[in-house]
Structure formats: C-alpha cells, structure tokens
Amino acid sequence: MRNKVLIIALISAALLSNTNSNAGVYAATLTPRPAAVAPQAVTVDAFYQSLGTYGHWFSHDRFGWVWMPYDVAVSWRPYSVGQ
C-alpha cells in the first residue's frame, strides 16, 4: 500500500512540475498582438495632381472626370496596344 501511495505522489509531482515548466511556453504563445494602426485619410487630390503632370483632366458626359495623356494620337485608346 505504501508503494502505491509513493507512486501516486511521484506521478502527481511530475505532472505538477511539467505543468509549471510549460507555463512560460504557453504564456509566450498567448501574448496579445499589438493593435493595428488606424488607417489614414487619403484624398484623390494626390492622384489628380500626379497624373496632371502627364496629361489633362476633362469632364465627360458619360464617364465623369476623364484623364487624357499629352502627345497621343486622336485615335488613342488605353490598353489597346499593350500599353
């Protein structure tokens, strides 16, 4: 009977020590992630200004504001010749 009690005590001690040794491992995996950075407001002005250097903007009845690059043929169509 003493041997059974001793074995149970040893197993219990081993289990408890094993749980404590893994506490650091589990704590490392449960570390909260840093909060996401809030998105900043983006305006379309930068888009219009950067393209304005290479062409001009005009209002089209069907499509709204349209950009046309400088130095292109009247028949030019975007992405029609691979460019």
PDB file of N, CA and C in Angstrom:
ATOM      1  N   MET A   1       0.817  -1.192   0.000  1.00  0.00           N
ATOM      2  CA  MET A   1       0.000   0.000   0.000  1.00  0.00           C
ATOM      3  C   MET A   1       0.862   1.257   0.000  1.00  0.00           C
ATOM      4  N   ARG A   2       1.971   1.203   0.762  1.00  0.00           N
ATOM      5  CA  ARG A   2       2.879   2.350   0.799  1.00  0.00           C
ATOM      6  C   ARG A   2       3.466   2.622  -0.578  1.00  0.00           C
ATOM      7  N   ASN A   3       3.758   1.564  -1.314  1.00  0.00           N
ATOM      8  CA  ASN A   3       4.332   1.744  -2.646  1.00  0.00           C
ATOM      9  C   ASN A   3       3.348   2.444  -3.585  1.00  0.00           C
ATOM     10  N   LYS A   4       2.068   2.101  -3.482  1.00  0.00           N
ATOM     11  CA  LYS A   4       1.058   2.742  -4.320  1.00  0.00           C
ATOM     12  C   LYS A   4       0.949   4.221  -3.999  1.00  0.00           C
ATOM     13  N   VAL A   5       0.960   4.569  -2.738  1.00  0.00           N
ATOM     14  CA  VAL A   5       0.883   5.967  -2.323  1.00  0.00           C
ATOM     15  C   VAL A   5       2.111   6.719  -2.810  1.00  0.00           C
ATOM     16  N   LEU A   6       3.280   6.085  -2.705  1.00  0.00           N
ATOM     17  CA  LEU A   6       4.525   6.711  -3.156  1.00  0.00           C
ATOM     18  C   LEU A   6       4.499   6.918  -4.667  1.00  0.00           C
ATOM     19  N   ILE A   7       4.018   5.952  -5.404  1.00  0.00           N
ATOM     20  CA  ILE A   7       3.943   6.070  -6.860  1.00  0.00           C
ATOM     21  C   ILE A   7       2.964   7.178  -7.259  1.00  0.00           C
ATOM     22  N   ILE A   8       1.806   7.230  -6.617  1.00  0.00           N
ATOM     23  CA  ILE A   8       0.822   8.277  -6.907  1.00  0.00           C
ATOM     24  C   ILE A   8       1.396   9.654  -6.583  1.00  0.00           C
ATOM     25  N   ALA A   9       2.116   9.757  -5.468  1.00  0.00           N
ATOM     26  CA  ALA A   9       2.731  11.031  -5.087  1.00  0.00           C
ATOM     27  C   ALA A   9       3.781  11.447  -6.112  1.00  0.00           C
ATOM     28  N   LEU A  10       4.576  10.518  -6.591  1.00  0.00           N
ATOM     29  CA  LEU A  10       5.609  10.826  -7.592  1.00  0.00           C
ATOM     30  C   LEU A  10       4.982  11.238  -8.925  1.00  0.00           C
ATOM     31  N   ILE A  11       3.950  10.546  -9.343  1.00  0.00           N
ATOM     32  CA  ILE A  11       3.271  10.898 -10.597  1.00  0.00           C
ATOM     33  C   ILE A  11       2.631  12.272 -10.487  1.00  0.00           C
ATOM     34  N   SER A  12       2.002  12.542  -9.355  1.00  0.00           N
ATOM     35  CA  SER A  12       1.385  13.849  -9.142  1.00  0.00           C
ATOM     36  C   SER A  12       2.425  14.959  -9.167  1.00  0.00           C
ATOM     37  N   ALA A  13       3.546  14.734  -8.518  1.00  0.00           N
ATOM     38  CA  ALA A  13       4.620  15.728  -8.501  1.00  0.00           C
ATOM     39  C   ALA A  13       5.164  15.959  -9.910  1.00  0.00           C
ATOM     40  N   ALA A  14       5.315  14.878 -10.670  1.00  0.00           N
ATOM     41  CA  ALA A  14       5.817  15.004 -12.037  1.00  0.00           C
ATOM     42  C   ALA A  14       4.843  15.791 -12.910  1.00  0.00           C
ATOM     43  N   LEU A  15       3.569  15.501 -12.766  1.00  0.00           N
ATOM     44  CA  LEU A  15       2.565  16.218 -13.551  1.00  0.00           C
ATOM     45  C   LEU A  15       2.522  17.693 -13.192  1.00  0.00           C
ATOM     46  N   LEU A  16       2.591  17.996 -11.912  1.00  0.00           N
ATOM     47  CA  LEU A  16       2.571  19.396 -11.482  1.00  0.00           C
ATOM     48  C   LEU A  16       3.812  20.142 -11.944  1.00  0.00           C
ATOM     49  N   SER A  17       4.972  19.519 -11.878  1.00  0.00           N
ATOM     50  CA  SER A  17       6.196  20.195 -12.304  1.00  0.00           C
ATOM     51  C   SER A  17       6.194  20.380 -13.818  1.00  0.00           C
ATOM     52  N   ASN A  18       5.618  19.436 -14.557  1.00  0.00           N
ATOM     53  CA  ASN A  18       5.529  19.553 -16.003  1.00  0.00           C
ATOM     54  C   ASN A  18       4.614  20.707 -16.397  1.00  0.00           C
ATOM     55  N   THR A  19       3.510  20.882 -15.696  1.00  0.00           N
ATOM     56  CA  THR A  19       2.588  21.971 -15.969  1.00  0.00           C
ATOM     57  C   THR A  19       3.255  23.314 -15.729  1.00  0.00           C
ATOM     58  N   ASN A  20       4.002  23.439 -14.659  1.00  0.00           N
ATOM     59  CA  ASN A  20       4.679  24.701 -14.351  1.00  0.00           C
ATOM     60  C   ASN A  20       5.785  25.000 -15.351  1.00  0.00           C
ATOM     61  N   SER A  21       6.495  23.976 -15.850  1.00  0.00           N
ATOM     62  CA  SER A  21       7.591  24.236 -16.781  1.00  0.00           C
ATOM     63  C   SER A  21       7.066  24.683 -18.138  1.00  0.00           C
ATOM     64  N   ASN A  22       5.849  24.302 -18.494  1.00  0.00           N
ATOM     65  CA  ASN A  22       5.273  24.719 -19.770  1.00  0.00           C
ATOM     66  C   ASN A  22       4.550  26.055 -19.683  1.00  0.00           C
ATOM     67  N   ALA A  23       4.429  26.602 -18.493  1.00  0.00           N
ATOM     68  CA  ALA A  23       3.695  27.857 -18.336  1.00  0.00           C
ATOM     69  C   ALA A  23       4.323  28.964 -19.158  1.00  0.00           C
ATOM     70  N   GLY A  24       5.648  29.011 -19.205  1.00  0.00           N
ATOM     71  CA  GLY A  24       6.319  30.037 -19.994  1.00  0.00           C
ATOM     72  C   GLY A  24       6.083  29.872 -21.479  1.00  0.00           C
ATOM     73  N   VAL A  25       6.021  28.633 -21.936  1.00  0.00           N
ATOM     74  CA  VAL A  25       5.770  28.370 -23.352  1.00  0.00           C
ATOM     75  C   VAL A  25       4.376  28.838 -23.738  1.00  0.00           C
ATOM     76  N   TYR A  26       3.383  28.487 -22.919  1.00  0.00           N
ATOM     77  CA  TYR A  26       2.026  28.898 -23.227  1.00  0.00           C
ATOM     78  C   TYR A  26       1.858  30.410 -23.103  1.00  0.00           C
ATOM     79  N   ALA A  27       2.511  31.015 -22.142  1.00  0.00           N
ATOM     80  CA  ALA A  27       2.410  32.467 -21.980  1.00  0.00           C
ATOM     81  C   ALA A  27       2.976  33.176 -23.206  1.00  0.00           C
ATOM     82  N   ALA A  28       4.043  32.629 -23.777  1.00  0.00           N
ATOM     83  CA  ALA A  28       4.647  33.256 -24.952  1.00  0.00           C
ATOM     84  C   ALA A  28       3.717  33.176 -26.161  1.00  0.00           C
ATOM     85  N   THR A  29       2.983  32.081 -26.282  1.00  0.00           N
ATOM     86  CA  THR A  29       2.087  31.947 -27.424  1.00  0.00           C
ATOM     87  C   THR A  29       0.795  32.726 -27.244  1.00  0.00           C
ATOM     88  N   LEU A  30       0.458  33.102 -26.038  1.00  0.00           N
ATOM     89  CA  LEU A  30      -0.766  33.843 -25.781  1.00  0.00           C
ATOM     90  C   LEU A  30      -0.537  35.337 -25.614  1.00  0.00           C
ATOM     91  N   THR A  31       0.648  35.808 -25.945  1.00  0.00           N
ATOM     92  CA  THR A  31       0.941  37.228 -25.833  1.00  0.00           C
ATOM     93  C   THR A  31       0.067  37.985 -26.827  1.00  0.00           C
ATOM     94  N   PRO A  32      -0.639  39.012 -26.379  1.00  0.00           N
ATOM     95  CA  PRO A  32      -1.526  39.733 -27.296  1.00  0.00           C
ATOM     96  C   PRO A  32      -0.735  40.445 -28.388  1.00  0.00           C
ATOM     97  N   ARG A  33      -1.315  40.501 -29.549  1.00  0.00           N
ATOM     98  CA  ARG A  33      -0.688  41.189 -30.681  1.00  0.00           C
ATOM     99  C   ARG A  33      -0.860  42.689 -30.527  1.00  0.00           C
ATOM    100  N   PRO A  34       0.058  43.455 -31.085  1.00  0.00           N
ATOM    101  CA  PRO A  34      -0.104  44.917 -30.996  1.00  0.00           C
ATOM    102  C   PRO A  34      -1.333  45.362 -31.788  1.00  0.00           C
ATOM    103  N   ALA A  35      -1.907  46.440 -31.356  1.00  0.00           N
ATOM    104  CA  ALA A  35      -3.104  46.962 -32.019  1.00  0.00           C
ATOM    105  C   ALA A  35      -2.757  47.412 -33.432  1.00  0.00           C
ATOM    106  N   ALA A  36      -3.689  47.264 -34.333  1.00  0.00           N
ATOM    107  CA  ALA A  36      -3.489  47.690 -35.719  1.00  0.00           C
ATOM    108  C   ALA A  36      -3.422  49.207 -35.780  1.00  0.00           C
ATOM    109  N   VAL A  37      -2.657  49.701 -36.714  1.00  0.00           N
ATOM    110  CA  VAL A  37      -2.535  51.141 -36.910  1.00  0.00           C
ATOM    111  C   VAL A  37      -3.789  51.624 -37.635  1.00  0.00           C
ATOM    112  N   ALA A  38      -4.352  52.688 -37.131  1.00  0.00           N
ATOM    113  CA  ALA A  38      -5.559  53.238 -37.738  1.00  0.00           C
ATOM    114  C   ALA A  38      -5.244  53.752 -39.141  1.00  0.00           C
ATOM    115  N   PRO A  39      -6.110  53.486 -40.114  1.00  0.00           N
ATOM    116  CA  PRO A  39      -5.860  53.973 -41.473  1.00  0.00           C
ATOM    117  C   PRO A  39      -5.904  55.492 -41.518  1.00  0.00           C
ATOM    118  N   GLN A  40      -5.078  56.035 -42.387  1.00  0.00           N
ATOM    119  CA  GLN A  40      -5.040  57.483 -42.543  1.00  0.00           C
ATOM    120  C   GLN A  40      -5.912  57.866 -43.728  1.00  0.00           C
ATOM    121  N   ALA A  41      -6.460  59.046 -43.665  1.00  0.00           N
ATOM    122  CA  ALA A  41      -7.313  59.524 -44.744  1.00  0.00           C
ATOM    123  C   ALA A  41      -6.484  59.759 -46.008  1.00  0.00           C
ATOM    124  N   VAL A  42      -6.996  59.309 -47.125  1.00  0.00           N
ATOM    125  CA  VAL A  42      -6.341  59.500 -48.412  1.00  0.00           C
ATOM    126  C   VAL A  42      -7.290  60.294 -49.290  1.00  0.00           C
ATOM    127  N   THR A  43      -6.770  61.338 -49.892  1.00  0.00           N
ATOM    128  CA  THR A  43      -7.603  62.142 -50.776  1.00  0.00           C
ATOM    129  C   THR A  43      -7.249  61.843 -52.225  1.00  0.00           C
ATOM    130  N   VAL A  44      -8.147  62.134 -53.109  1.00  0.00           N
ATOM    131  CA  VAL A  44      -7.897  61.905 -54.529  1.00  0.00           C
ATOM    132  C   VAL A  44      -7.083  63.030 -55.149  1.00  0.00           C
ATOM    133  N   ASP A  45      -6.845  64.095 -54.399  1.00  0.00           N
ATOM    134  CA  ASP A  45      -6.074  65.220 -54.933  1.00  0.00           C
ATOM    135  C   ASP A  45      -4.685  64.784 -55.381  1.00  0.00           C
ATOM    136  N   ALA A  46      -4.025  63.944 -54.606  1.00  0.00           N
ATOM    137  CA  ALA A  46      -2.684  63.476 -54.976  1.00  0.00           C
ATOM    138  C   ALA A  46      -2.737  62.701 -56.285  1.00  0.00           C
ATOM    139  N   PHE A  47      -3.792  61.925 -56.474  1.00  0.00           N
ATOM    140  CA  PHE A  47      -3.975  61.160 -57.699  1.00  0.00           C
ATOM    141  C   PHE A  47      -4.139  62.098 -58.888  1.00  0.00           C
ATOM    142  N   TYR A  48      -5.016  63.069 -58.758  1.00  0.00           N
ATOM    143  CA  TYR A  48      -5.256  64.014 -59.854  1.00  0.00           C
ATOM    144  C   TYR A  48      -4.016  64.850 -60.148  1.00  0.00           C
ATOM    145  N   GLN A  49      -3.319  65.287 -59.109  1.00  0.00           N
ATOM    146  CA  GLN A  49      -2.143  66.127 -59.320  1.00  0.00           C
ATOM    147  C   GLN A  49      -1.014  65.345 -59.982  1.00  0.00           C
ATOM    148  N   SER A  50      -0.789  64.100 -59.557  1.00  0.00           N
ATOM    149  CA  SER A  50       0.318  63.331 -60.131  1.00  0.00           C
ATOM    150  C   SER A  50       0.057  62.999 -61.601  1.00  0.00           C
ATOM    151  N   LEU A  51      -1.157  62.713 -61.970  1.00  0.00           N
ATOM    152  CA  LEU A  51      -1.467  62.463 -63.382  1.00  0.00           C
ATOM    153  C   LEU A  51      -1.531  63.752 -64.184  1.00  0.00           C
ATOM    154  N   GLY A  52      -1.857  64.859 -63.537  1.00  0.00           N
ATOM    155  CA  GLY A  52      -1.946  66.143 -64.215  1.00  0.00           C
ATOM    156  C   GLY A  52      -0.645  66.558 -64.867  1.00  0.00           C
ATOM    157  N   THR A  53       0.470  66.053 -64.382  1.00  0.00           N
ATOM    158  CA  THR A  53       1.777  66.363 -64.963  1.00  0.00           C
ATOM    159  C   THR A  53       1.911  65.748 -66.360  1.00  0.00           C
ATOM    160  N   TYR A  54       1.235  64.643 -66.609  1.00  0.00           N
ATOM    161  CA  TYR A  54       1.405  63.894 -67.859  1.00  0.00           C
ATOM    162  C   TYR A  54       0.208  64.002 -68.805  1.00  0.00           C
ATOM    163  N   GLY A  55      -0.810  64.741 -68.437  1.00  0.00           N
ATOM    164  CA  GLY A  55      -1.984  64.881 -69.282  1.00  0.00           C
ATOM    165  C   GLY A  55      -2.948  65.885 -68.692  1.00  0.00           C
ATOM    166  N   HIS A  56      -4.164  65.898 -69.212  1.00  0.00           N
ATOM    167  CA  HIS A  56      -5.151  66.851 -68.689  1.00  0.00           C
ATOM    168  C   HIS A  56      -6.444  66.127 -68.356  1.00  0.00           C
ATOM    169  N   TRP A  57      -7.189  66.726 -67.434  1.00  0.00           N
ATOM    170  CA  TRP A  57      -8.473  66.193 -66.990  1.00  0.00           C
ATOM    171  C   TRP A  57      -9.586  66.974 -67.669  1.00  0.00           C
ATOM    172  N   PHE A  58     -10.643  66.288 -68.052  1.00  0.00           N
ATOM    173  CA  PHE A  58     -11.818  66.973 -68.581  1.00  0.00           C
ATOM    174  C   PHE A  58     -13.066  66.202 -68.164  1.00  0.00           C
ATOM    175  N   SER A  59     -14.180  66.890 -68.166  1.00  0.00           N
ATOM    176  CA  SER A  59     -15.444  66.279 -67.765  1.00  0.00           C
ATOM    177  C   SER A  59     -16.119  65.674 -68.988  1.00  0.00           C
ATOM    178  N   HIS A  60     -16.467  64.407 -68.882  1.00  0.00           N
ATOM    179  CA  HIS A  60     -17.135  63.687 -69.963  1.00  0.00           C
ATOM    180  C   HIS A  60     -18.585  63.441 -69.534  1.00  0.00           C
ATOM    181  N   ASP A  61     -19.513  63.636 -70.456  1.00  0.00           N
ATOM    182  CA  ASP A  61     -20.934  63.480 -70.114  1.00  0.00           C
ATOM    183  C   ASP A  61     -21.260  62.076 -69.610  1.00  0.00           C
ATOM    184  N   ARG A  62     -20.660  61.062 -70.187  1.00  0.00           N
ATOM    185  CA  ARG A  62     -20.995  59.688 -69.827  1.00  0.00           C
ATOM    186  C   ARG A  62     -20.137  59.141 -68.684  1.00  0.00           C
ATOM    187  N   PHE A  63     -18.845  59.500 -68.649  1.00  0.00           N
ATOM    188  CA  PHE A  63     -17.909  58.880 -67.708  1.00  0.00           C
ATOM    189  C   PHE A  63     -17.491  59.770 -66.535  1.00  0.00           C
ATOM    190  N   GLY A  64     -17.887  61.009 -66.535  1.00  0.00           N
ATOM    191  CA  GLY A  64     -17.442  61.916 -65.467  1.00  0.00           C
ATOM    192  C   GLY A  64     -16.055  62.466 -65.783  1.00  0.00           C
ATOM    193  N   TRP A  65     -15.216  62.617 -64.776  1.00  0.00           N
ATOM    194  CA  TRP A  65     -13.875  63.162 -64.997  1.00  0.00           C
ATOM    195  C   TRP A  65     -12.988  62.112 -65.648  1.00  0.00           C
ATOM    196  N   VAL A  66     -12.370  62.509 -66.766  1.00  0.00           N
ATOM    197  CA  VAL A  66     -11.537  61.624 -67.573  1.00  0.00           C
ATOM    198  C   VAL A  66     -10.175  62.270 -67.735  1.00  0.00           C
ATOM    199  N   TRP A  67      -9.152  61.451 -67.697  1.00  0.00           N
ATOM    200  CA  TRP A  67      -7.784  61.934 -67.898  1.00  0.00           C
ATOM    201  C   TRP A  67      -7.296  61.501 -69.268  1.00  0.00           C
ATOM    202  N   MET A  68      -6.681  62.424 -70.010  1.00  0.00           N
ATOM    203  CA  MET A  68      -6.128  62.129 -71.333  1.00  0.00           C
ATOM    204  C   MET A  68      -4.658  62.530 -71.319  1.00  0.00           C
ATOM    205  N   PRO A  69      -3.754  61.604 -71.647  1.00  0.00           N
ATOM    206  CA  PRO A  69      -2.329  61.946 -71.635  1.00  0.00           C
ATOM    207  C   PRO A  69      -1.970  62.895 -72.781  1.00  0.00           C
ATOM    208  N   TYR A  70      -0.897  63.647 -72.569  1.00  0.00           N
ATOM    209  CA  TYR A  70      -0.389  64.536 -73.623  1.00  0.00           C
ATOM    210  C   TYR A  70       0.282  63.704 -74.711  1.00  0.00           C
ATOM    211  N   ASP A  71       0.421  64.278 -75.880  1.00  0.00           N
ATOM    212  CA  ASP A  71       1.175  63.704 -77.006  1.00  0.00           C
ATOM    213  C   ASP A  71       0.706  62.320 -77.425  1.00  0.00           C
ATOM    214  N   VAL A  72      -0.588  62.147 -77.576  1.00  0.00           N
ATOM    215  CA  VAL A  72      -1.126  60.899 -78.113  1.00  0.00           C
ATOM    216  C   VAL A  72      -2.004  61.228 -79.313  1.00  0.00           C
ATOM    217  N   ALA A  73      -2.166  60.259 -80.194  1.00  0.00           N
ATOM    218  CA  ALA A  73      -2.993  60.455 -81.378  1.00  0.00           C
ATOM    219  C   ALA A  73      -4.460  60.570 -80.981  1.00  0.00           C
ATOM    220  N   VAL A  74      -5.237  61.167 -81.828  1.00  0.00           N
ATOM    221  CA  VAL A  74      -6.661  61.336 -81.571  1.00  0.00           C
ATOM    222  C   VAL A  74      -7.333  59.972 -81.425  1.00  0.00           C
ATOM    223  N   SER A  75      -6.847  58.976 -82.130  1.00  0.00           N
ATOM    224  CA  SER A  75      -7.444  57.640 -82.073  1.00  0.00           C
ATOM    225  C   SER A  75      -6.913  56.798 -80.913  1.00  0.00           C
ATOM    226  N   TRP A  76      -6.100  57.370 -80.036  1.00  0.00           N
ATOM    227  CA  TRP A  76      -5.514  56.626 -78.923  1.00  0.00           C
ATOM    228  C   TRP A  76      -6.587  56.046 -77.999  1.00  0.00           C
ATOM    229  N   ARG A  77      -6.401  54.796 -77.597  1.00  0.00           N
ATOM    230  CA  ARG A  77      -7.288  54.143 -76.632  1.00  0.00           C
ATOM    231  C   ARG A  77      -6.394  53.438 -75.605  1.00  0.00           C
ATOM    232  N   PRO A  78      -6.683  53.582 -74.338  1.00  0.00           N
ATOM    233  CA  PRO A  78      -5.827  52.931 -73.326  1.00  0.00           C
ATOM    234  C   PRO A  78      -5.855  51.418 -73.439  1.00  0.00           C
ATOM    235  N   TYR A  79      -4.695  50.819 -73.232  1.00  0.00           N
ATOM    236  CA  TYR A  79      -4.524  49.358 -73.199  1.00  0.00           C
ATOM    237  C   TYR A  79      -4.891  48.662 -74.517  1.00  0.00           C
ATOM    238  N   SER A  80      -4.935  49.389 -75.613  1.00  0.00           N
ATOM    239  CA  SER A  80      -5.293  48.758 -76.876  1.00  0.00           C
ATOM    240  C   SER A  80      -4.068  48.227 -77.634  1.00  0.00           C
ATOM    241  N   VAL A  81      -2.883  48.735 -77.314  1.00  0.00           N
ATOM    242  CA  VAL A  81      -1.671  48.294 -77.989  1.00  0.00           C
ATOM    243  C   VAL A  81      -0.692  47.729 -76.955  1.00  0.00           C
ATOM    244  N   GLY A  82      -1.199  47.219 -75.866  1.00  0.00           N
ATOM    245  CA  GLY A  82      -0.350  46.631 -74.839  1.00  0.00           C
ATOM    246  C   GLY A  82       0.275  47.647 -73.899  1.00  0.00           C
ATOM    247  N   GLN A  83      -0.096  48.887 -74.007  1.00  0.00           N
ATOM    248  CA  GLN A  83       0.459  49.920 -73.122  1.00  0.00           C
ATOM    249  C   GLN A  83      -0.664  50.764 -72.549  1.00  0.00           C
TER     250      GLN A  83
END
